[in-house]
């Protein structure tokens, strides 16, 4: 059983608002940054659990992450699973 998300209510509300805007056609790319262990993955996972939407995830690794590497990884993973997965994205 996962523990309650503590101290991130405002961040979660902001992400939920951005998701709502995306549903209305005002999409954006959201990047979470912070120190290791700060809760970025947990915050994103919490939103994904409640989102009635496709959530793509990518991550940077320590050291050499190429420019846009996390975005490319997220898109590549999604398109491998569903080759037409972005056909309706404008």
PDB file of N, CA and C in Angstrom:
ATOM      1  N   UNK A   1       0.847  -1.177   0.000  1.00  0.00           N
ATOM      2  CA  UNK A   1       0.000   0.000   0.000  1.00  0.00           C
ATOM      3  C   UNK A   1       0.894   1.243   0.000  1.00  0.00           C
ATOM      4  N   UNK A   2       0.610   2.157  -0.924  1.00  0.00           N
ATOM      5  CA  UNK A   2       1.404   3.388  -1.028  1.00  0.00           C
ATOM      6  C   UNK A   2       1.044   4.352   0.085  1.00  0.00           C
ATOM      7  N   UNK A   3       2.037   5.076   0.535  1.00  0.00           N
ATOM      8  CA  UNK A   3       1.781   6.062   1.578  1.00  0.00           C
ATOM      9  C   UNK A   3       1.172   7.323   0.958  1.00  0.00           C
ATOM     10  N   UNK A   4       0.570   8.125   1.814  1.00  0.00           N
ATOM     11  CA  UNK A   4      -0.046   9.375   1.374  1.00  0.00           C
ATOM     12  C   UNK A   4       1.031  10.345   0.893  1.00  0.00           C
ATOM     13  N   UNK A   5       0.719  11.069  -0.161  1.00  0.00           N
ATOM     14  CA  UNK A   5       1.632  12.091  -0.671  1.00  0.00           C
ATOM     15  C   UNK A   5       1.558  13.289   0.271  1.00  0.00           C
ATOM     16  N   UNK A   6       2.687  13.639   0.868  1.00  0.00           N
ATOM     17  CA  UNK A   6       2.713  14.682   1.885  1.00  0.00           C
ATOM     18  C   UNK A   6       3.511  15.881   1.383  1.00  0.00           C
ATOM     19  N   UNK A   7       2.974  17.084   1.595  1.00  0.00           N
ATOM     20  CA  UNK A   7       3.711  18.302   1.298  1.00  0.00           C
ATOM     21  C   UNK A   7       3.814  18.664  -0.163  1.00  0.00           C
ATOM     22  N   UNK A   8       2.998  18.075  -0.994  1.00  0.00           N
ATOM     23  CA  UNK A   8       3.052  18.358  -2.431  1.00  0.00           C
ATOM     24  C   UNK A   8       1.681  18.708  -3.008  1.00  0.00           C
ATOM     25  N   UNK A   9       0.788  19.137  -2.149  1.00  0.00           N
ATOM     26  CA  UNK A   9      -0.570  19.438  -2.604  1.00  0.00           C
ATOM     27  C   UNK A   9      -0.587  20.524  -3.675  1.00  0.00           C
ATOM     28  N   UNK A  10       0.136  21.613  -3.456  1.00  0.00           N
ATOM     29  CA  UNK A  10       0.110  22.714  -4.434  1.00  0.00           C
ATOM     30  C   UNK A  10       0.708  22.279  -5.765  1.00  0.00           C
ATOM     31  N   UNK A  11       1.778  21.471  -5.729  1.00  0.00           N
ATOM     32  CA  UNK A  11       2.377  20.986  -6.968  1.00  0.00           C
ATOM     33  C   UNK A  11       1.414  20.058  -7.708  1.00  0.00           C
ATOM     34  N   UNK A  12       0.751  19.173  -6.965  1.00  0.00           N
ATOM     35  CA  UNK A  12      -0.201  18.253  -7.572  1.00  0.00           C
ATOM     36  C   UNK A  12      -1.390  19.010  -8.166  1.00  0.00           C
ATOM     37  N   UNK A  13      -1.862  20.035  -7.469  1.00  0.00           N
ATOM     38  CA  UNK A  13      -2.959  20.850  -7.990  1.00  0.00           C
ATOM     39  C   UNK A  13      -2.534  21.576  -9.264  1.00  0.00           C
ATOM     40  N   UNK A  14      -1.308  22.061  -9.303  1.00  0.00           N
ATOM     41  CA  UNK A  14      -0.801  22.739 -10.506  1.00  0.00           C
ATOM     42  C   UNK A  14      -0.722  21.772 -11.684  1.00  0.00           C
ATOM     43  N   UNK A  15      -0.237  20.566 -11.443  1.00  0.00           N
ATOM     44  CA  UNK A  15      -0.185  19.565 -12.508  1.00  0.00           C
ATOM     45  C   UNK A  15      -1.590  19.185 -12.979  1.00  0.00           C
ATOM     46  N   UNK A  16      -2.526  19.055 -12.049  1.00  0.00           N
ATOM     47  CA  UNK A  16      -3.901  18.736 -12.408  1.00  0.00           C
ATOM     48  C   UNK A  16      -4.511  19.858 -13.248  1.00  0.00           C
ATOM     49  N   UNK A  17      -4.194  21.116 -12.912  1.00  0.00           N
ATOM     50  CA  UNK A  17      -4.681  22.253 -13.699  1.00  0.00           C
ATOM     51  C   UNK A  17      -4.098  22.227 -15.112  1.00  0.00           C
ATOM     52  N   UNK A  18      -2.831  21.890 -15.225  1.00  0.00           N
ATOM     53  CA  UNK A  18      -2.209  21.795 -16.550  1.00  0.00           C
ATOM     54  C   UNK A  18      -2.826  20.667 -17.364  1.00  0.00           C
ATOM     55  N   UNK A  19      -3.157  19.569 -16.712  1.00  0.00           N
ATOM     56  CA  UNK A  19      -3.829  18.470 -17.391  1.00  0.00           C
ATOM     57  C   UNK A  19      -5.205  18.916 -17.877  1.00  0.00           C
ATOM     58  N   UNK A  20      -5.923  19.658 -17.041  1.00  0.00           N
ATOM     59  CA  UNK A  20      -7.224  20.185 -17.453  1.00  0.00           C
ATOM     60  C   UNK A  20      -7.094  21.114 -18.647  1.00  0.00           C
ATOM     61  N   UNK A  21      -6.084  21.960 -18.656  1.00  0.00           N
ATOM     62  CA  UNK A  21      -5.847  22.860 -19.788  1.00  0.00           C
ATOM     63  C   UNK A  21      -5.538  22.063 -21.053  1.00  0.00           C
ATOM     64  N   UNK A  22      -4.783  20.981 -20.909  1.00  0.00           N
ATOM     65  CA  UNK A  22      -4.461  20.141 -22.066  1.00  0.00           C
ATOM     66  C   UNK A  22      -5.725  19.520 -22.654  1.00  0.00           C
ATOM     67  N   UNK A  23      -6.641  19.131 -21.794  1.00  0.00           N
ATOM     68  CA  UNK A  23      -7.912  18.562 -22.273  1.00  0.00           C
ATOM     69  C   UNK A  23      -8.724  19.598 -23.064  1.00  0.00           C
ATOM     70  N   UNK A  24      -8.491  20.871 -22.784  1.00  0.00           N
ATOM     71  CA  UNK A  24      -9.192  21.950 -23.488  1.00  0.00           C
ATOM     72  C   UNK A  24      -8.407  22.440 -24.704  1.00  0.00           C
ATOM     73  N   UNK A  25      -7.329  21.735 -25.059  1.00  0.00           N
ATOM     74  CA  UNK A  25      -6.568  22.093 -26.241  1.00  0.00           C
ATOM     75  C   UNK A  25      -5.390  23.017 -25.983  1.00  0.00           C
ATOM     76  N   UNK A  26      -5.079  23.260 -24.724  1.00  0.00           N
ATOM     77  CA  UNK A  26      -3.942  24.122 -24.376  1.00  0.00           C
ATOM     78  C   UNK A  26      -2.875  23.268 -23.698  1.00  0.00           C
ATOM     79  N   UNK A  27      -2.291  22.352 -24.476  1.00  0.00           N
ATOM     80  CA  UNK A  27      -1.315  21.419 -23.940  1.00  0.00           C
ATOM     81  C   UNK A  27       0.022  22.066 -23.677  1.00  0.00           C
ATOM     82  N   UNK A  28       0.849  21.368 -22.956  1.00  0.00           N
ATOM     83  CA  UNK A  28       2.183  21.838 -22.622  1.00  0.00           C
ATOM     84  C   UNK A  28       3.045  20.638 -22.275  1.00  0.00           C
ATOM     85  N   UNK A  29       4.319  20.839 -22.324  1.00  0.00           N
ATOM     86  CA  UNK A  29       5.257  19.847 -21.818  1.00  0.00           C
ATOM     87  C   UNK A  29       5.633  20.282 -20.414  1.00  0.00           C
ATOM     88  N   UNK A  30       5.575  19.365 -19.488  1.00  0.00           N
ATOM     89  CA  UNK A  30       5.904  19.665 -18.102  1.00  0.00           C
ATOM     90  C   UNK A  30       7.164  18.894 -17.735  1.00  0.00           C
ATOM     91  N   UNK A  31       8.145  19.604 -17.245  1.00  0.00           N
ATOM     92  CA  UNK A  31       9.385  18.980 -16.790  1.00  0.00           C
ATOM     93  C   UNK A  31       9.499  19.164 -15.287  1.00  0.00           C
ATOM     94  N   UNK A  32       9.757  18.088 -14.584  1.00  0.00           N
ATOM     95  CA  UNK A  32       9.958  18.154 -13.135  1.00  0.00           C
ATOM     96  C   UNK A  32      11.454  18.060 -12.874  1.00  0.00           C
ATOM     97  N   UNK A  33      11.954  18.971 -12.091  1.00  0.00           N
ATOM     98  CA  UNK A  33      13.382  18.984 -11.779  1.00  0.00           C
ATOM     99  C   UNK A  33      13.572  19.102 -10.281  1.00  0.00           C
ATOM    100  N   UNK A  34      14.670  18.585  -9.805  1.00  0.00           N
ATOM    101  CA  UNK A  34      14.986  18.690  -8.392  1.00  0.00           C
ATOM    102  C   UNK A  34      16.051  17.692  -8.010  1.00  0.00           C
ATOM    103  N   UNK A  35      16.470  17.775  -6.786  1.00  0.00           N
ATOM    104  CA  UNK A  35      17.500  16.870  -6.270  1.00  0.00           C
ATOM    105  C   UNK A  35      16.986  15.432  -6.253  1.00  0.00           C
ATOM    106  N   UNK A  36      17.901  14.499  -6.305  1.00  0.00           N
ATOM    107  CA  UNK A  36      17.551  13.085  -6.176  1.00  0.00           C
ATOM    108  C   UNK A  36      16.826  12.868  -4.856  1.00  0.00           C
ATOM    109  N   UNK A  37      15.736  12.132  -4.911  1.00  0.00           N
ATOM    110  CA  UNK A  37      14.978  11.838  -3.701  1.00  0.00           C
ATOM    111  C   UNK A  37      13.988  12.902  -3.291  1.00  0.00           C
ATOM    112  N   UNK A  38      13.824  13.941  -4.116  1.00  0.00           N
ATOM    113  CA  UNK A  38      12.921  15.044  -3.760  1.00  0.00           C
ATOM    114  C   UNK A  38      11.450  14.703  -3.975  1.00  0.00           C
ATOM    115  N   UNK A  39      11.175  13.603  -4.679  1.00  0.00           N
ATOM    116  CA  UNK A  39       9.785  13.186  -4.866  1.00  0.00           C
ATOM    117  C   UNK A  39       9.215  13.449  -6.245  1.00  0.00           C
ATOM    118  N   UNK A  40      10.060  13.679  -7.241  1.00  0.00           N
ATOM    119  CA  UNK A  40       9.579  13.973  -8.598  1.00  0.00           C
ATOM    120  C   UNK A  40       8.807  12.793  -9.185  1.00  0.00           C
ATOM    121  N   UNK A  41       9.383  11.600  -9.075  1.00  0.00           N
ATOM    122  CA  UNK A  41       8.726  10.405  -9.620  1.00  0.00           C
ATOM    123  C   UNK A  41       7.422  10.145  -8.893  1.00  0.00           C
ATOM    124  N   UNK A  42       7.418  10.287  -7.596  1.00  0.00           N
ATOM    125  CA  UNK A  42       6.206  10.041  -6.810  1.00  0.00           C
ATOM    126  C   UNK A  42       5.106  11.037  -7.184  1.00  0.00           C
ATOM    127  N   UNK A  43       5.476  12.298  -7.376  1.00  0.00           N
ATOM    128  CA  UNK A  43       4.508  13.325  -7.758  1.00  0.00           C
ATOM    129  C   UNK A  43       3.893  13.006  -9.116  1.00  0.00           C
ATOM    130  N   UNK A  44       4.735  12.661 -10.079  1.00  0.00           N
ATOM    131  CA  UNK A  44       4.241  12.318 -11.415  1.00  0.00           C
ATOM    132  C   UNK A  44       3.370  11.066 -11.367  1.00  0.00           C
ATOM    133  N   UNK A  45       3.765  10.094 -10.570  1.00  0.00           N
ATOM    134  CA  UNK A  45       2.992   8.860 -10.443  1.00  0.00           C
ATOM    135  C   UNK A  45       1.623   9.118  -9.830  1.00  0.00           C
ATOM    136  N   UNK A  46       1.579  10.001  -8.864  1.00  0.00           N
ATOM    137  CA  UNK A  46       0.310  10.343  -8.213  1.00  0.00           C
ATOM    138  C   UNK A  46      -0.659  10.961  -9.221  1.00  0.00           C
ATOM    139  N   UNK A  47      -0.164  11.864 -10.053  1.00  0.00           N
ATOM    140  CA  UNK A  47      -1.007  12.459 -11.085  1.00  0.00           C
ATOM    141  C   UNK A  47      -1.456  11.395 -12.085  1.00  0.00           C
ATOM    142  N   UNK A  48      -0.533  10.543 -12.509  1.00  0.00           N
ATOM    143  CA  UNK A  48      -0.862   9.508 -13.490  1.00  0.00           C
ATOM    144  C   UNK A  48      -1.935   8.554 -12.978  1.00  0.00           C
ATOM    145  N   UNK A  49      -1.936   8.286 -11.681  1.00  0.00           N
ATOM    146  CA  UNK A  49      -2.938   7.381 -11.106  1.00  0.00           C
ATOM    147  C   UNK A  49      -4.352   7.930 -11.247  1.00  0.00           C
ATOM    148  N   UNK A  50      -4.493   9.238 -11.186  1.00  0.00           N
ATOM    149  CA  UNK A  50      -5.823   9.839 -11.213  1.00  0.00           C
ATOM    150  C   UNK A  50      -6.184  10.440 -12.565  1.00  0.00           C
ATOM    151  N   UNK A  51      -5.224  10.478 -13.488  1.00  0.00           N
ATOM    152  CA  UNK A  51      -5.459  11.103 -14.793  1.00  0.00           C
ATOM    153  C   UNK A  51      -6.237  10.158 -15.690  1.00  0.00           C
ATOM    154  N   UNK A  52      -7.288  10.667 -16.275  1.00  0.00           N
ATOM    155  CA  UNK A  52      -8.025   9.913 -17.277  1.00  0.00           C
ATOM    156  C   UNK A  52      -7.441  10.313 -18.629  1.00  0.00           C
ATOM    157  N   UNK A  53      -6.150  10.018 -18.800  1.00  0.00           N
ATOM    158  CA  UNK A  53      -5.422  10.432 -19.994  1.00  0.00           C
ATOM    159  C   UNK A  53      -4.194   9.546 -20.147  1.00  0.00           C
ATOM    160  N   UNK A  54      -3.643   9.551 -21.321  1.00  0.00           N
ATOM    161  CA  UNK A  54      -2.383   8.861 -21.553  1.00  0.00           C
ATOM    162  C   UNK A  54      -1.270   9.709 -20.961  1.00  0.00           C
ATOM    163  N   UNK A  55      -0.457   9.116 -20.144  1.00  0.00           N
ATOM    164  CA  UNK A  55       0.646   9.827 -19.508  1.00  0.00           C
ATOM    165  C   UNK A  55       1.941   9.194 -20.014  1.00  0.00           C
ATOM    166  N   UNK A  56       2.779   9.996 -20.649  1.00  0.00           N
ATOM    167  CA  UNK A  56       4.072   9.526 -21.133  1.00  0.00           C
ATOM    168  C   UNK A  56       5.133   9.953 -20.140  1.00  0.00           C
ATOM    169  N   UNK A  57       6.101   9.068 -19.896  1.00  0.00           N
ATOM    170  CA  UNK A  57       7.137   9.381 -18.915  1.00  0.00           C
ATOM    171  C   UNK A  57       8.508   9.104 -19.494  1.00  0.00           C
ATOM    172  N   UNK A  58       9.408  10.009 -19.252  1.00  0.00           N
ATOM    173  CA  UNK A  58      10.810   9.844 -19.607  1.00  0.00           C
ATOM    174  C   UNK A  58      11.635  10.329 -18.444  1.00  0.00           C
ATOM    175  N   UNK A  59      12.881   9.923 -18.404  1.00  0.00           N
ATOM    176  CA  UNK A  59      13.726  10.325 -17.287  1.00  0.00           C
ATOM    177  C   UNK A  59      15.145  10.579 -17.765  1.00  0.00           C
ATOM    178  N   UNK A  60      15.774  11.524 -17.140  1.00  0.00           N
ATOM    179  CA  UNK A  60      17.188  11.783 -17.392  1.00  0.00           C
ATOM    180  C   UNK A  60      17.998  10.896 -16.463  1.00  0.00           C
ATOM    181  N   UNK A  61      19.181  10.540 -16.905  1.00  0.00           N
ATOM    182  CA  UNK A  61      20.054   9.748 -16.050  1.00  0.00           C
ATOM    183  C   UNK A  61      21.245  10.595 -15.635  1.00  0.00           C
ATOM    184  N   UNK A  62      21.931  10.156 -14.614  1.00  0.00           N
ATOM    185  CA  UNK A  62      23.116  10.875 -14.170  1.00  0.00           C
ATOM    186  C   UNK A  62      24.146  10.850 -15.294  1.00  0.00           C
ATOM    187  N   UNK A  63      24.824  11.931 -15.472  1.00  0.00           N
ATOM    188  CA  UNK A  63      25.863  11.961 -16.494  1.00  0.00           C
ATOM    189  C   UNK A  63      25.368  12.516 -17.808  1.00  0.00           C
ATOM    190  N   UNK A  64      25.526  11.750 -18.841  1.00  0.00           N
ATOM    191  CA  UNK A  64      25.251  12.237 -20.199  1.00  0.00           C
ATOM    192  C   UNK A  64      23.842  11.907 -20.674  1.00  0.00           C
ATOM    193  N   UNK A  65      22.951  12.808 -20.519  1.00  0.00           N
ATOM    194  CA  UNK A  65      21.620  12.682 -21.092  1.00  0.00           C
ATOM    195  C   UNK A  65      21.586  13.626 -22.279  1.00  0.00           C
ATOM    196  N   UNK A  66      21.320  13.095 -23.475  1.00  0.00           N
ATOM    197  CA  UNK A  66      21.311  13.980 -24.644  1.00  0.00           C
ATOM    198  C   UNK A  66      20.186  15.008 -24.557  1.00  0.00           C
ATOM    199  N   UNK A  67      20.334  16.138 -25.256  1.00  0.00           N
ATOM    200  CA  UNK A  67      19.253  17.131 -25.266  1.00  0.00           C
ATOM    201  C   UNK A  67      17.935  16.468 -25.660  1.00  0.00           C
ATOM    202  N   UNK A  68      16.912  16.787 -24.966  1.00  0.00           N
ATOM    203  CA  UNK A  68      15.569  16.247 -25.203  1.00  0.00           C
ATOM    204  C   UNK A  68      15.494  14.733 -24.997  1.00  0.00           C
ATOM    205  N   UNK A  69      16.505  14.141 -24.404  1.00  0.00           N
ATOM    206  CA  UNK A  69      16.543  12.695 -24.195  1.00  0.00           C
ATOM    207  C   UNK A  69      15.314  12.138 -23.490  1.00  0.00           C
ATOM    208  N   UNK A  70      14.883  12.733 -22.372  1.00  0.00           N
ATOM    209  CA  UNK A  70      13.691  12.202 -21.699  1.00  0.00           C
ATOM    210  C   UNK A  70      12.428  12.288 -22.564  1.00  0.00           C
ATOM    211  N   UNK A  71      12.293  13.361 -23.343  1.00  0.00           N
ATOM    212  CA  UNK A  71      11.118  13.486 -24.216  1.00  0.00           C
ATOM    213  C   UNK A  71      11.158  12.439 -25.321  1.00  0.00           C
ATOM    214  N   UNK A  72      12.327  12.266 -25.922  1.00  0.00           N
ATOM    215  CA  UNK A  72      12.481  11.259 -26.978  1.00  0.00           C
ATOM    216  C   UNK A  72      12.182   9.871 -26.424  1.00  0.00           C
ATOM    217  N   UNK A  73      12.692   9.562 -25.242  1.00  0.00           N
ATOM    218  CA  UNK A  73      12.460   8.254 -24.632  1.00  0.00           C
ATOM    219  C   UNK A  73      10.973   8.023 -24.371  1.00  0.00           C
ATOM    220  N   UNK A  74      10.290   9.031 -23.868  1.00  0.00           N
ATOM    221  CA  UNK A  74       8.858   8.892 -23.585  1.00  0.00           C
ATOM    222  C   UNK A  74       8.071   8.660 -24.865  1.00  0.00           C
ATOM    223  N   UNK A  75       8.364   9.439 -25.887  1.00  0.00           N
ATOM    224  CA  UNK A  75       7.656   9.281 -27.164  1.00  0.00           C
ATOM    225  C   UNK A  75       7.983   7.944 -27.819  1.00  0.00           C
ATOM    226  N   UNK A  76       9.241   7.560 -27.803  1.00  0.00           N
ATOM    227  CA  UNK A  76       9.655   6.294 -28.424  1.00  0.00           C
ATOM    228  C   UNK A  76       8.968   5.114 -27.746  1.00  0.00           C
ATOM    229  N   UNK A  77       8.954   5.100 -26.426  1.00  0.00           N
ATOM    230  CA  UNK A  77       8.306   4.011 -25.694  1.00  0.00           C
ATOM    231  C   UNK A  77       6.825   3.933 -26.034  1.00  0.00           C
ATOM    232  N   UNK A  78       6.173   5.077 -26.071  1.00  0.00           N
ATOM    233  CA  UNK A  78       4.742   5.115 -26.389  1.00  0.00           C
ATOM    234  C   UNK A  78       4.478   4.628 -27.807  1.00  0.00           C
ATOM    235  N   UNK A  79       5.271   5.071 -28.752  1.00  0.00           N
ATOM    236  CA  UNK A  79       5.050   4.694 -30.147  1.00  0.00           C
ATOM    237  C   UNK A  79       5.411   3.237 -30.418  1.00  0.00           C
ATOM    238  N   UNK A  80       6.326   2.667 -29.671  1.00  0.00           N
ATOM    239  CA  UNK A  80       6.592   1.225 -29.808  1.00  0.00           C
ATOM    240  C   UNK A  80       5.379   0.427 -29.365  1.00  0.00           C
ATOM    241  N   UNK A  81       4.735   0.879 -28.300  1.00  0.00           N
ATOM    242  CA  UNK A  81       3.557   0.186 -27.786  1.00  0.00           C
ATOM    243  C   UNK A  81       2.327   0.419 -28.661  1.00  0.00           C
ATOM    244  N   UNK A  82       2.222   1.606 -29.253  1.00  0.00           N
ATOM    245  CA  UNK A  82       1.062   1.980 -30.071  1.00  0.00           C
ATOM    246  C   UNK A  82       1.535   2.852 -31.232  1.00  0.00           C
ATOM    247  N   UNK A  83       1.887   2.239 -32.361  1.00  0.00           N
ATOM    248  CA  UNK A  83       2.455   3.011 -33.490  1.00  0.00           C
ATOM    249  C   UNK A  83       1.580   4.167 -33.974  1.00  0.00           C
ATOM    250  N   UNK A  84       0.284   4.108 -33.764  1.00  0.00           N
ATOM    251  CA  UNK A  84      -0.590   5.215 -34.141  1.00  0.00           C
ATOM    252  C   UNK A  84      -0.961   6.081 -32.942  1.00  0.00           C
ATOM    253  N   UNK A  85      -0.230   5.950 -31.870  1.00  0.00           N
ATOM    254  CA  UNK A  85      -0.563   6.590 -30.611  1.00  0.00           C
ATOM    255  C   UNK A  85      -0.583   8.108 -30.619  1.00  0.00           C
ATOM    256  N   UNK A  86       0.046   8.722 -31.594  1.00  0.00           N
ATOM    257  CA  UNK A  86       0.067  10.192 -31.648  1.00  0.00           C
ATOM    258  C   UNK A  86      -0.647  10.735 -32.876  1.00  0.00           C
ATOM    259  N   UNK A  87      -1.361   9.871 -33.600  1.00  0.00           N
ATOM    260  CA  UNK A  87      -2.006  10.301 -34.847  1.00  0.00           C
ATOM    261  C   UNK A  87      -3.028  11.404 -34.650  1.00  0.00           C
ATOM    262  N   UNK A  88      -3.656  11.475 -33.498  1.00  0.00           N
ATOM    263  CA  UNK A  88      -4.698  12.484 -33.272  1.00  0.00           C
ATOM    264  C   UNK A  88      -4.202  13.685 -32.506  1.00  0.00           C
ATOM    265  N   UNK A  89      -2.901  13.872 -32.444  1.00  0.00           N
ATOM    266  CA  UNK A  89      -2.334  14.947 -31.634  1.00  0.00           C
ATOM    267  C   UNK A  89      -2.063  16.233 -32.407  1.00  0.00           C
ATOM    268  N   UNK A  90      -2.722  16.425 -33.527  1.00  0.00           N
ATOM    269  CA  UNK A  90      -2.583  17.689 -34.239  1.00  0.00           C
ATOM    270  C   UNK A  90      -1.507  17.724 -35.261  1.00  0.00           C
TER     271      UNK A  90
END
